[in-house]
Amino acid sequence: MALSLPTTEQLLNDFQENKSWDKQYKLIIQWGKKLPDMDSQDKIETNRVEGCESLAWLIIEKEEDFYTFNMDSETRVVKGLMMILLIIYQGKNAEQIRHFDIHHYFEKLGLLKHLSPSRANGLFTIVQKIQEI
C-alpha cells in the first residue's frame, strides 16, 4: 500500500499553524510515527547514513524516471525529519529533486534555527545523498 503524503504546501501550512517550537516539535514527532518502518534486513551498513548523530538508514530506488526513498532511524525526531524529506522528494524525478530549493524551504519552515548543529548536519547529509542521484 502506497503511503499517502501531504504536499509541501500542506506541510508548510501545518508548520505555520503551529507557530511555537514546542508545537512544531510535536508535529515532527507525529510525522515520525507515520514513517513506514524499514525491514530489519535492510538496516545494514551499506544503507546507513554516515554523519547522523543517531543511527539512520536510507535506500534510494528508481522506477522509470522517478525515485522512491525508504528511510528509518532509531529516534523519533530523525524519523520526523525524514518524513519531511519524503514529503519533499518522494516520487520526484532527478530534475525536480535538483531544482527544489531545500535551503529556502527549510527557512520558510523555520526548522534550522531550532535543530542542534549535529542534527542539522545529519539532515543535510541525507539531503546530499538524495541530491546526488
N, C-alpha and C. Protein backbone atom coordinates (compact mmCIF):
# COMPACT_ATOMS: atom_id res chain seq x y z
N MET A 1 0.84 -1.19 0.00
CA MET A 1 0.00 0.00 0.00
C MET A 1 0.88 1.24 0.00
N ALA A 2 0.60 2.18 -0.89
CA ALA A 2 1.39 3.39 -1.00
C ALA A 2 1.09 4.34 0.16
N LEU A 3 2.12 5.00 0.61
CA LEU A 3 1.99 5.96 1.69
C LEU A 3 1.39 7.25 1.14
N SER A 4 0.34 7.74 1.76
CA SER A 4 -0.28 8.99 1.35
C SER A 4 0.44 10.14 2.04
N LEU A 5 1.02 11.01 1.24
CA LEU A 5 1.80 12.12 1.79
C LEU A 5 1.12 13.46 1.52
N PRO A 6 1.21 14.39 2.47
CA PRO A 6 0.72 15.74 2.20
C PRO A 6 1.64 16.43 1.19
N THR A 7 1.19 17.53 0.64
CA THR A 7 2.04 18.30 -0.26
C THR A 7 3.01 19.16 0.56
N THR A 8 4.00 19.72 -0.11
CA THR A 8 4.93 20.62 0.58
C THR A 8 4.19 21.87 1.08
N GLU A 9 3.13 22.27 0.37
CA GLU A 9 2.33 23.42 0.81
C GLU A 9 1.57 23.09 2.09
N GLN A 10 1.01 21.87 2.14
CA GLN A 10 0.29 21.45 3.36
C GLN A 10 1.25 21.36 4.54
N LEU A 11 2.44 20.86 4.29
CA LEU A 11 3.45 20.78 5.33
C LEU A 11 3.80 22.17 5.86
N LEU A 12 3.99 23.10 4.95
CA LEU A 12 4.30 24.48 5.34
C LEU A 12 3.14 25.09 6.13
N ASN A 13 1.91 24.85 5.69
CA ASN A 13 0.74 25.35 6.42
C ASN A 13 0.68 24.77 7.83
N ASP A 14 0.95 23.46 7.97
CA ASP A 14 0.95 22.83 9.29
C ASP A 14 1.97 23.50 10.21
N PHE A 15 3.14 23.79 9.66
CA PHE A 15 4.18 24.44 10.46
C PHE A 15 3.76 25.85 10.86
N GLN A 16 3.14 26.57 9.92
CA GLN A 16 2.74 27.95 10.21
C GLN A 16 1.56 28.01 11.18
N GLU A 17 0.70 27.00 11.16
CA GLU A 17 -0.41 26.95 12.11
C GLU A 17 0.07 26.63 13.53
N ASN A 18 1.18 25.95 13.63
CA ASN A 18 1.78 25.59 14.92
C ASN A 18 3.03 26.43 15.11
N LYS A 19 2.85 27.67 15.51
CA LYS A 19 3.92 28.65 15.49
C LYS A 19 5.03 28.41 16.52
N SER A 20 4.69 27.90 17.67
CA SER A 20 5.74 27.71 18.69
C SER A 20 6.57 26.48 18.36
N TRP A 21 7.83 26.52 18.77
CA TRP A 21 8.71 25.39 18.52
C TRP A 21 8.20 24.13 19.21
N ASP A 22 7.61 24.27 20.41
CA ASP A 22 7.07 23.10 21.10
C ASP A 22 6.02 22.39 20.25
N LYS A 23 5.12 23.16 19.66
CA LYS A 23 4.08 22.57 18.81
C LYS A 23 4.67 21.99 17.53
N GLN A 24 5.65 22.69 16.95
CA GLN A 24 6.30 22.18 15.75
C GLN A 24 7.07 20.90 16.04
N TYR A 25 7.71 20.85 17.19
CA TYR A 25 8.45 19.66 17.60
C TYR A 25 7.49 18.46 17.74
N LYS A 26 6.33 18.70 18.34
CA LYS A 26 5.32 17.64 18.46
C LYS A 26 4.84 17.19 17.09
N LEU A 27 4.71 18.13 16.18
CA LEU A 27 4.30 17.83 14.81
C LEU A 27 5.34 16.92 14.14
N ILE A 28 6.61 17.24 14.32
CA ILE A 28 7.70 16.42 13.76
C ILE A 28 7.63 15.00 14.33
N ILE A 29 7.40 14.89 15.63
CA ILE A 29 7.29 13.58 16.27
C ILE A 29 6.09 12.81 15.68
N GLN A 30 4.96 13.50 15.49
CA GLN A 30 3.77 12.85 14.91
C GLN A 30 4.06 12.34 13.50
N TRP A 31 4.75 13.14 12.69
CA TRP A 31 5.10 12.70 11.34
C TRP A 31 6.03 11.50 11.40
N GLY A 32 6.96 11.52 12.37
CA GLY A 32 7.87 10.39 12.53
C GLY A 32 7.15 9.09 12.79
N LYS A 33 6.03 9.16 13.48
CA LYS A 33 5.24 7.95 13.76
C LYS A 33 4.60 7.40 12.48
N LYS A 34 4.43 8.25 11.47
CA LYS A 34 3.82 7.83 10.21
C LYS A 34 4.84 7.27 9.22
N LEU A 35 6.12 7.48 9.50
CA LEU A 35 7.16 6.97 8.61
C LEU A 35 7.14 5.45 8.66
N PRO A 36 6.99 4.80 7.50
CA PRO A 36 6.96 3.34 7.50
C PRO A 36 8.28 2.76 8.04
N ASP A 37 8.17 1.71 8.83
CA ASP A 37 9.37 1.06 9.35
C ASP A 37 10.10 0.35 8.22
N MET A 38 11.40 0.41 8.29
CA MET A 38 12.24 -0.29 7.33
C MET A 38 12.44 -1.72 7.83
N ASP A 39 12.43 -2.67 6.93
CA ASP A 39 12.69 -4.05 7.32
C ASP A 39 14.06 -4.15 7.98
N SER A 40 14.14 -4.95 9.03
CA SER A 40 15.40 -5.06 9.76
C SER A 40 16.54 -5.56 8.87
N GLN A 41 16.23 -6.40 7.86
CA GLN A 41 17.30 -6.89 6.99
C GLN A 41 17.88 -5.79 6.10
N ASP A 42 17.16 -4.65 5.96
CA ASP A 42 17.66 -3.52 5.18
C ASP A 42 18.48 -2.54 6.02
N LYS A 43 18.46 -2.73 7.32
CA LYS A 43 19.23 -1.85 8.21
C LYS A 43 20.66 -2.38 8.31
N ILE A 44 21.34 -2.28 7.18
CA ILE A 44 22.71 -2.78 7.07
C ILE A 44 23.66 -1.61 6.84
N GLU A 45 24.92 -1.87 6.99
CA GLU A 45 25.94 -0.82 6.91
C GLU A 45 25.90 -0.06 5.58
N THR A 46 25.66 -0.76 4.48
CA THR A 46 25.67 -0.08 3.18
C THR A 46 24.51 0.91 3.04
N ASN A 47 23.44 0.75 3.81
CA ASN A 47 22.31 1.67 3.77
C ASN A 47 22.38 2.72 4.87
N ARG A 48 23.38 2.62 5.72
CA ARG A 48 23.50 3.54 6.85
C ARG A 48 23.94 4.91 6.37
N VAL A 49 23.37 5.95 6.96
CA VAL A 49 23.73 7.33 6.63
C VAL A 49 24.83 7.75 7.60
N GLU A 50 26.01 7.95 7.06
CA GLU A 50 27.13 8.42 7.87
C GLU A 50 26.94 9.91 8.14
N GLY A 51 27.32 10.36 9.31
CA GLY A 51 27.20 11.77 9.64
C GLY A 51 25.98 12.10 10.46
N CYS A 52 25.11 11.13 10.67
CA CYS A 52 23.95 11.34 11.54
C CYS A 52 24.34 10.99 12.97
N GLU A 53 23.86 11.78 13.90
CA GLU A 53 24.14 11.55 15.31
C GLU A 53 23.56 10.22 15.78
N SER A 54 22.37 9.91 15.30
CA SER A 54 21.74 8.64 15.66
C SER A 54 21.80 7.72 14.44
N LEU A 55 21.52 6.46 14.67
CA LEU A 55 21.52 5.52 13.55
C LEU A 55 20.41 5.88 12.58
N ALA A 56 20.75 5.93 11.30
CA ALA A 56 19.78 6.27 10.26
C ALA A 56 20.14 5.50 9.00
N TRP A 57 19.11 5.10 8.26
CA TRP A 57 19.30 4.33 7.04
C TRP A 57 18.50 4.95 5.91
N LEU A 58 19.03 4.82 4.70
CA LEU A 58 18.39 5.37 3.51
C LEU A 58 18.59 4.41 2.35
N ILE A 59 17.48 4.08 1.69
CA ILE A 59 17.51 3.28 0.47
C ILE A 59 16.85 4.12 -0.62
N ILE A 60 17.55 4.26 -1.73
CA ILE A 60 17.04 5.03 -2.87
C ILE A 60 16.78 4.05 -4.01
N GLU A 61 15.57 4.08 -4.54
CA GLU A 61 15.21 3.21 -5.66
C GLU A 61 14.65 4.07 -6.79
N LYS A 62 14.90 3.62 -8.01
CA LYS A 62 14.42 4.35 -9.19
C LYS A 62 13.52 3.42 -10.00
N GLU A 63 12.34 3.92 -10.30
CA GLU A 63 11.42 3.19 -11.17
C GLU A 63 11.06 4.13 -12.32
N GLU A 64 11.44 3.71 -13.52
CA GLU A 64 11.36 4.57 -14.69
C GLU A 64 12.20 5.81 -14.38
N ASP A 65 11.62 7.01 -14.39
CA ASP A 65 12.41 8.21 -14.11
C ASP A 65 12.18 8.76 -12.71
N PHE A 66 11.44 8.03 -11.89
CA PHE A 66 11.04 8.57 -10.60
C PHE A 66 11.68 7.80 -9.45
N TYR A 67 11.97 8.54 -8.39
CA TYR A 67 12.68 7.97 -7.25
C TYR A 67 11.76 7.77 -6.06
N THR A 68 12.00 6.68 -5.36
CA THR A 68 11.34 6.45 -4.08
C THR A 68 12.42 6.24 -3.03
N PHE A 69 12.06 6.58 -1.83
CA PHE A 69 13.01 6.55 -0.72
C PHE A 69 12.41 5.78 0.44
N ASN A 70 13.23 4.94 1.01
CA ASN A 70 12.87 4.21 2.21
C ASN A 70 13.88 4.66 3.26
N MET A 71 13.39 5.25 4.33
CA MET A 71 14.26 5.80 5.36
C MET A 71 13.81 5.31 6.72
N ASP A 72 14.75 5.25 7.64
CA ASP A 72 14.40 4.89 9.01
C ASP A 72 15.50 5.39 9.94
N SER A 73 15.15 5.52 11.19
CA SER A 73 16.10 5.94 12.21
C SER A 73 15.69 5.34 13.54
N GLU A 74 16.61 5.37 14.46
CA GLU A 74 16.31 4.86 15.80
C GLU A 74 15.63 5.91 16.68
N THR A 75 15.59 7.17 16.23
CA THR A 75 14.98 8.22 17.05
C THR A 75 13.76 8.82 16.37
N ARG A 76 12.80 9.22 17.20
CA ARG A 76 11.54 9.77 16.69
C ARG A 76 11.74 11.09 15.96
N VAL A 77 12.62 11.94 16.46
CA VAL A 77 12.82 13.24 15.83
C VAL A 77 13.42 13.06 14.43
N VAL A 78 14.43 12.21 14.31
CA VAL A 78 15.04 11.98 13.00
C VAL A 78 14.03 11.35 12.05
N LYS A 79 13.21 10.44 12.56
CA LYS A 79 12.15 9.85 11.73
C LYS A 79 11.20 10.95 11.23
N GLY A 80 10.88 11.91 12.08
CA GLY A 80 10.03 13.03 11.67
C GLY A 80 10.68 13.89 10.61
N LEU A 81 11.97 14.14 10.77
CA LEU A 81 12.70 14.93 9.77
C LEU A 81 12.77 14.16 8.44
N MET A 82 12.93 12.85 8.54
CA MET A 82 12.94 12.02 7.34
C MET A 82 11.58 12.07 6.65
N MET A 83 10.52 12.11 7.43
CA MET A 83 9.18 12.20 6.85
C MET A 83 9.04 13.51 6.07
N ILE A 84 9.61 14.59 6.59
CA ILE A 84 9.60 15.87 5.86
C ILE A 84 10.31 15.69 4.52
N LEU A 85 11.45 15.00 4.53
CA LEU A 85 12.19 14.77 3.28
C LEU A 85 11.38 13.90 2.32
N LEU A 86 10.65 12.92 2.84
CA LEU A 86 9.79 12.11 1.98
C LEU A 86 8.72 12.97 1.32
N ILE A 87 8.12 13.86 2.10
CA ILE A 87 7.09 14.74 1.56
C ILE A 87 7.67 15.58 0.42
N ILE A 88 8.90 16.03 0.58
CA ILE A 88 9.55 16.87 -0.42
C ILE A 88 9.96 16.08 -1.66
N TYR A 89 10.56 14.91 -1.47
CA TYR A 89 11.25 14.23 -2.57
C TYR A 89 10.57 12.98 -3.13
N GLN A 90 9.70 12.34 -2.39
CA GLN A 90 9.14 11.05 -2.82
C GLN A 90 8.42 11.15 -4.16
N GLY A 91 8.76 10.25 -5.08
CA GLY A 91 8.08 10.18 -6.36
C GLY A 91 8.49 11.24 -7.37
N LYS A 92 9.55 11.96 -7.09
CA LYS A 92 10.01 13.02 -7.99
C LYS A 92 11.08 12.46 -8.93
N ASN A 93 11.30 13.15 -10.05
CA ASN A 93 12.39 12.77 -10.94
C ASN A 93 13.64 13.56 -10.56
N ALA A 94 14.76 13.22 -11.19
CA ALA A 94 16.04 13.84 -10.83
C ALA A 94 16.02 15.35 -11.00
N GLU A 95 15.39 15.84 -12.07
CA GLU A 95 15.34 17.28 -12.30
C GLU A 95 14.54 17.99 -11.21
N GLN A 96 13.41 17.42 -10.82
CA GLN A 96 12.59 18.02 -9.76
C GLN A 96 13.37 18.03 -8.44
N ILE A 97 14.10 16.97 -8.16
CA ILE A 97 14.89 16.90 -6.93
C ILE A 97 15.98 17.96 -6.96
N ARG A 98 16.66 18.07 -8.09
CA ARG A 98 17.75 19.04 -8.22
C ARG A 98 17.27 20.48 -8.08
N HIS A 99 16.09 20.77 -8.60
CA HIS A 99 15.62 22.16 -8.64
C HIS A 99 14.81 22.59 -7.42
N PHE A 100 14.56 21.67 -6.49
CA PHE A 100 13.84 22.06 -5.28
C PHE A 100 14.82 22.78 -4.35
N ASP A 101 14.51 24.02 -3.99
CA ASP A 101 15.40 24.82 -3.14
C ASP A 101 15.17 24.44 -1.67
N ILE A 102 15.87 23.42 -1.24
CA ILE A 102 15.68 22.87 0.10
C ILE A 102 16.04 23.87 1.19
N HIS A 103 17.10 24.65 0.98
CA HIS A 103 17.51 25.63 1.99
C HIS A 103 16.42 26.68 2.19
N HIS A 104 15.87 27.16 1.08
CA HIS A 104 14.79 28.16 1.17
C HIS A 104 13.55 27.57 1.85
N TYR A 105 13.25 26.32 1.51
CA TYR A 105 12.08 25.67 2.11
C TYR A 105 12.27 25.48 3.61
N PHE A 106 13.44 25.03 4.03
CA PHE A 106 13.72 24.89 5.46
C PHE A 106 13.65 26.23 6.17
N GLU A 107 14.09 27.30 5.49
CA GLU A 107 13.98 28.65 6.06
C GLU A 107 12.51 29.02 6.28
N LYS A 108 11.67 28.74 5.28
CA LYS A 108 10.24 29.04 5.40
C LYS A 108 9.62 28.25 6.55
N LEU A 109 10.07 27.02 6.74
CA LEU A 109 9.57 26.22 7.86
C LEU A 109 10.09 26.76 9.20
N GLY A 110 11.25 27.42 9.17
CA GLY A 110 11.88 27.88 10.41
C GLY A 110 12.55 26.74 11.15
N LEU A 111 12.80 25.67 10.44
CA LEU A 111 13.27 24.43 11.04
C LEU A 111 14.70 24.52 11.56
N LEU A 112 15.59 25.09 10.77
CA LEU A 112 17.02 25.02 11.09
C LEU A 112 17.42 25.81 12.34
N LYS A 113 16.67 26.85 12.66
CA LYS A 113 17.04 27.64 13.84
C LYS A 113 16.78 26.89 15.14
N HIS A 114 16.04 25.79 15.07
CA HIS A 114 15.73 25.03 16.27
C HIS A 114 16.48 23.71 16.39
N LEU A 115 17.09 23.27 15.30
CA LEU A 115 17.80 21.99 15.34
C LEU A 115 19.23 22.20 15.86
N SER A 116 19.71 21.22 16.59
CA SER A 116 21.11 21.28 17.03
C SER A 116 21.99 21.18 15.79
N PRO A 117 23.22 21.72 15.85
CA PRO A 117 24.11 21.63 14.69
C PRO A 117 24.32 20.20 14.21
N SER A 118 24.44 19.25 15.14
CA SER A 118 24.68 17.87 14.72
C SER A 118 23.44 17.28 14.03
N ARG A 119 22.25 17.63 14.51
CA ARG A 119 21.02 17.13 13.89
C ARG A 119 20.84 17.78 12.51
N ALA A 120 21.13 19.07 12.39
CA ALA A 120 21.04 19.75 11.09
C ALA A 120 22.04 19.15 10.11
N ASN A 121 23.25 18.85 10.58
CA ASN A 121 24.26 18.23 9.72
C ASN A 121 23.77 16.87 9.23
N GLY A 122 23.18 16.09 10.12
CA GLY A 122 22.65 14.78 9.73
C GLY A 122 21.55 14.91 8.69
N LEU A 123 20.67 15.90 8.88
CA LEU A 123 19.59 16.15 7.93
C LEU A 123 20.16 16.48 6.56
N PHE A 124 21.17 17.36 6.53
CA PHE A 124 21.75 17.75 5.25
C PHE A 124 22.60 16.64 4.63
N THR A 125 23.08 15.72 5.44
CA THR A 125 23.78 14.55 4.89
C THR A 125 22.79 13.70 4.09
N ILE A 126 21.59 13.53 4.62
CA ILE A 126 20.56 12.78 3.90
C ILE A 126 20.14 13.53 2.64
N VAL A 127 19.95 14.84 2.75
CA VAL A 127 19.60 15.67 1.59
C VAL A 127 20.66 15.53 0.51
N GLN A 128 21.92 15.59 0.91
CA GLN A 128 23.02 15.49 -0.06
C GLN A 128 23.00 14.14 -0.78
N LYS A 129 22.75 13.07 -0.04
CA LYS A 129 22.68 11.73 -0.66
C LYS A 129 21.54 11.69 -1.68
N ILE A 130 20.43 12.30 -1.35
CA ILE A 130 19.28 12.32 -2.27
C ILE A 130 19.61 13.17 -3.50
N GLN A 131 20.23 14.32 -3.29
CA GLN A 131 20.51 15.23 -4.41
C GLN A 131 21.63 14.71 -5.31
N GLU A 132 22.41 13.76 -4.84
CA GLU A 132 23.49 13.21 -5.66
C GLU A 132 22.98 12.26 -6.75
N ILE A 133 21.72 11.88 -6.69
CA ILE A 133 21.21 10.90 -7.67
C ILE A 133 21.13 11.49 -9.06
